Amino acid sequence: MFRFINNILEQFLPCFNRQASWINFCAIIIGFIMRPDMRGVSSVISALRLKPEHYTALLKFFRSNAFDIDSLYRKPIAVFLKTLPPETIDGKVILVGDHIKISKEGRRMPAIEKLHQES
């Protein structure tokens, strides 16, 4: 499992200007994986058993110029497609989703048809 996670995180290295920034990114991702609750950066600090003084440094990382945000947004999709290629039929990717009866709140999306079936 550790080797698998390491191989995935290594693919994110080109997104960062410095290796130290990439190491911080890896620590944050590992912290997100290990955290027992959903308190954000506080959860990462407690999961990794870091000193509380590192809290502001981790917050600054998210607004840092040490990485290209556009390439970092695109990278997870590229890594996913490379690591776990999806099933396709006639060149089209198969996506599986579950059905919920609660409609989404928000604006209407054009060209999206709403289907509702009572069980």
C-alpha atoms as a PDB file:
ATOM      1  CA  MET A   1       0.000   0.000   0.000  1.00  0.00           C
ATOM      2  CA  PHE A   2       2.809   2.405   0.887  1.00  0.00           C
ATOM      3  CA  ARG A   3       4.534   1.723  -2.430  1.00  0.00           C
ATOM      4  CA  PHE A   4       1.273   2.353  -4.303  1.00  0.00           C
ATOM      5  CA  ILE A   5       0.710   5.699  -2.520  1.00  0.00           C
ATOM      6  CA  ASN A   6       4.365   6.663  -3.061  1.00  0.00           C
ATOM      7  CA  ASN A   7       4.137   5.926  -6.796  1.00  0.00           C
ATOM      8  CA  ILE A   8       1.044   8.105  -7.077  1.00  0.00           C
ATOM      9  CA  LEU A   9       2.557  10.996  -5.092  1.00  0.00           C
ATOM     10  CA  GLU A  10       5.770  10.892  -7.149  1.00  0.00           C
ATOM     11  CA  GLN A  11       3.731  11.683 -10.249  1.00  0.00           C
ATOM     12  CA  PHE A  12       2.825  15.055  -8.694  1.00  0.00           C
ATOM     13  CA  LEU A  13       6.497  16.156  -8.426  1.00  0.00           C
ATOM     14  CA  PRO A  14       6.517  18.084 -11.766  1.00  0.00           C
ATOM     15  CA  CYS A  15       3.725  20.344 -10.437  1.00  0.00           C
ATOM     16  CA  PHE A  16       6.044  21.874  -7.815  1.00  0.00           C
ATOM     17  CA  ASN A  17       8.900  24.365  -8.183  1.00  0.00           C
ATOM     18  CA  ARG A  18      10.921  22.932  -5.307  1.00  0.00           C
ATOM     19  CA  GLN A  19      11.218  19.480  -3.808  1.00  0.00           C
ATOM     20  CA  ALA A  20      10.531  20.889  -0.327  1.00  0.00           C
ATOM     21  CA  SER A  21       7.098  22.048  -1.506  1.00  0.00           C
ATOM     22  CA  TRP A  22       6.378  18.608  -2.897  1.00  0.00           C
ATOM     23  CA  ILE A  23       7.381  17.030   0.424  1.00  0.00           C
ATOM     24  CA  ASN A  24       4.967  19.368   2.227  1.00  0.00           C
ATOM     25  CA  PHE A  25       2.261  18.377  -0.259  1.00  0.00           C
ATOM     26  CA  CYS A  26       2.946  14.686   0.396  1.00  0.00           C
ATOM     27  CA  ALA A  27       2.783  15.225   4.150  1.00  0.00           C
ATOM     28  CA  ILE A  28      -0.562  17.002   3.795  1.00  0.00           C
ATOM     29  CA  ILE A  29      -1.993  14.253   1.586  1.00  0.00           C
ATOM     30  CA  ILE A  30      -0.824  11.552   4.005  1.00  0.00           C
ATOM     31  CA  GLY A  31      -2.335  13.590   6.828  1.00  0.00           C
ATOM     32  CA  PHE A  32      -5.661  13.761   4.959  1.00  0.00           C
ATOM     33  CA  ILE A  33      -5.570   9.977   4.507  1.00  0.00           C
ATOM     34  CA  MET A  34      -4.795   9.333   8.179  1.00  0.00           C
ATOM     35  CA  ARG A  35      -7.009  11.926   9.847  1.00  0.00           C
ATOM     36  CA  PRO A  36      -9.679  10.556  12.145  1.00  0.00           C
ATOM     37  CA  ASP A  37     -12.094  13.485  11.705  1.00  0.00           C
ATOM     38  CA  MET A  38     -12.916  16.245   9.222  1.00  0.00           C
ATOM     39  CA  ARG A  39     -11.467  19.322  10.922  1.00  0.00           C
ATOM     40  CA  GLY A  40      -9.184  20.249   8.021  1.00  0.00           C
ATOM     41  CA  VAL A  41      -5.625  21.322   8.785  1.00  0.00           C
ATOM     42  CA  SER A  42      -6.161  20.694  12.498  1.00  0.00           C
ATOM     43  CA  SER A  43      -6.882  17.058  11.674  1.00  0.00           C
ATOM     44  CA  VAL A  44      -3.672  16.797   9.644  1.00  0.00           C
ATOM     45  CA  ILE A  45      -1.660  18.232  12.546  1.00  0.00           C
ATOM     46  CA  SER A  46      -3.132  15.754  15.011  1.00  0.00           C
ATOM     47  CA  ALA A  47      -2.930  12.758  12.619  1.00  0.00           C
ATOM     48  CA  LEU A  48       0.753  13.372  11.879  1.00  0.00           C
ATOM     49  CA  ARG A  49       1.483  14.329  15.497  1.00  0.00           C
ATOM     50  CA  LEU A  50       3.002  17.653  14.445  1.00  0.00           C
ATOM     51  CA  LYS A  51       3.646  20.498  16.829  1.00  0.00           C
ATOM     52  CA  PRO A  52       0.836  23.088  16.935  1.00  0.00           C
ATOM     53  CA  GLU A  53       3.318  25.739  15.737  1.00  0.00           C
ATOM     54  CA  HIS A  54       3.183  24.160  12.256  1.00  0.00           C
ATOM     55  CA  TYR A  55      -0.487  25.076  11.839  1.00  0.00           C
ATOM     56  CA  THR A  56       0.135  28.482  10.232  1.00  0.00           C
ATOM     57  CA  ALA A  57       2.875  27.066   8.000  1.00  0.00           C
ATOM     58  CA  LEU A  58       0.453  24.463   6.655  1.00  0.00           C
ATOM     59  CA  LEU A  59      -2.176  27.134   6.042  1.00  0.00           C
ATOM     60  CA  LYS A  60       0.361  29.247   4.137  1.00  0.00           C
ATOM     61  CA  PHE A  61       1.168  26.251   1.927  1.00  0.00           C
ATOM     62  CA  PHE A  62      -2.321  26.356   0.411  1.00  0.00           C
ATOM     63  CA  ARG A  63      -1.797  29.961  -0.762  1.00  0.00           C
ATOM     64  CA  SER A  64       1.820  29.464  -1.781  1.00  0.00           C
ATOM     65  CA  ASN A  65       3.327  30.227  -5.188  1.00  0.00           C
ATOM     66  CA  ALA A  66       5.492  27.104  -4.928  1.00  0.00           C
ATOM     67  CA  PHE A  67       3.178  25.163  -7.207  1.00  0.00           C
ATOM     68  CA  ASP A  68       1.235  25.746 -10.395  1.00  0.00           C
ATOM     69  CA  ILE A  69      -2.411  25.479  -9.405  1.00  0.00           C
ATOM     70  CA  ASP A  70      -3.658  24.734 -12.933  1.00  0.00           C
ATOM     71  CA  SER A  71      -1.353  21.748 -13.412  1.00  0.00           C
ATOM     72  CA  LEU A  72      -2.151  20.578  -9.888  1.00  0.00           C
ATOM     73  CA  TYR A  73      -5.891  20.619 -10.709  1.00  0.00           C
ATOM     74  CA  ARG A  74      -5.381  18.559 -13.879  1.00  0.00           C
ATOM     75  CA  LYS A  75      -2.872  16.109 -12.442  1.00  0.00           C
ATOM     76  CA  PRO A  76      -5.225  13.858 -10.386  1.00  0.00           C
ATOM     77  CA  ILE A  77      -7.256  12.986 -13.477  1.00  0.00           C
ATOM     78  CA  ALA A  78      -4.110  12.159 -15.459  1.00  0.00           C
ATOM     79  CA  VAL A  79      -2.748  10.070 -12.581  1.00  0.00           C
ATOM     80  CA  PHE A  80      -6.061   8.238 -12.218  1.00  0.00           C
ATOM     81  CA  LEU A  81      -6.272   7.433 -15.914  1.00  0.00           C
ATOM     82  CA  LYS A  82      -2.662   6.215 -15.911  1.00  0.00           C
ATOM     83  CA  THR A  83      -2.797   4.230 -12.661  1.00  0.00           C
ATOM     84  CA  LEU A  84      -6.296   2.745 -12.846  1.00  0.00           C
ATOM     85  CA  PRO A  85      -7.474   2.884 -16.460  1.00  0.00           C
ATOM     86  CA  PRO A  86     -11.282   2.948 -16.576  1.00  0.00           C
ATOM     87  CA  GLU A  87     -13.408   0.429 -18.432  1.00  0.00           C
ATOM     88  CA  THR A  88     -14.579   1.583 -21.836  1.00  0.00           C
ATOM     89  CA  ILE A  89     -17.099   0.497 -24.425  1.00  0.00           C
ATOM     90  CA  ASP A  90     -16.511   1.737 -27.977  1.00  0.00           C
ATOM     91  CA  GLY A  91     -13.978   4.247 -26.649  1.00  0.00           C
ATOM     92  CA  LYS A  92     -16.406   5.745 -24.133  1.00  0.00           C
ATOM     93  CA  VAL A  93     -15.641   5.644 -20.415  1.00  0.00           C
ATOM     94  CA  ILE A  94     -18.139   3.800 -18.217  1.00  0.00           C
ATOM     95  CA  LEU A  95     -19.179   5.724 -15.101  1.00  0.00           C
ATOM     96  CA  VAL A  96     -21.221   4.077 -12.383  1.00  0.00           C
ATOM     97  CA  GLY A  97     -23.295   6.150  -9.978  1.00  0.00           C
ATOM     98  CA  ASP A  98     -25.923   5.544  -7.381  1.00  0.00           C
ATOM     99  CA  HIS A  99     -29.429   6.931  -7.334  1.00  0.00           C
ATOM    100  CA  ILE A 100     -30.725   9.248  -4.653  1.00  0.00           C
ATOM    101  CA  LYS A 101     -34.239  10.559  -4.295  1.00  0.00           C
ATOM    102  CA  ILE A 102     -33.203  13.954  -2.952  1.00  0.00           C
ATOM    103  CA  SER A 103     -32.860  16.495  -5.717  1.00  0.00           C
ATOM    104  CA  LYS A 104     -29.810  18.730  -5.815  1.00  0.00           C
ATOM    105  CA  GLU A 105     -30.230  22.242  -4.600  1.00  0.00           C
ATOM    106  CA  GLY A 106     -28.824  24.908  -6.813  1.00  0.00           C
ATOM    107  CA  ARG A 107     -29.289  26.409 -10.210  1.00  0.00           C
ATOM    108  CA  ARG A 108     -30.809  24.572 -13.102  1.00  0.00           C
ATOM    109  CA  MET A 109     -28.237  23.166 -15.473  1.00  0.00           C
ATOM    110  CA  PRO A 110     -29.121  23.588 -19.152  1.00  0.00           C
ATOM    111  CA  ALA A 111     -29.132  20.462 -21.326  1.00  0.00           C
ATOM    112  CA  ILE A 112     -29.429  18.238 -18.227  1.00  0.00           C
ATOM    113  CA  GLU A 113     -32.590  16.195 -18.113  1.00  0.00           C
ATOM    114  CA  LYS A 114     -34.039  15.337 -14.715  1.00  0.00           C
ATOM    115  CA  LEU A 115     -35.234  11.761 -14.380  1.00  0.00           C
ATOM    116  CA  HIS A 116     -37.142  10.706 -11.299  1.00  0.00           C
ATOM    117  CA  GLN A 117     -38.588   7.306 -10.581  1.00  0.00           C
ATOM    118  CA  GLU A 118     -40.487   6.297  -7.460  1.00  0.00           C
ATOM    119  CA  SER A 119     -39.575   2.886  -6.076  1.00  0.00           C
END
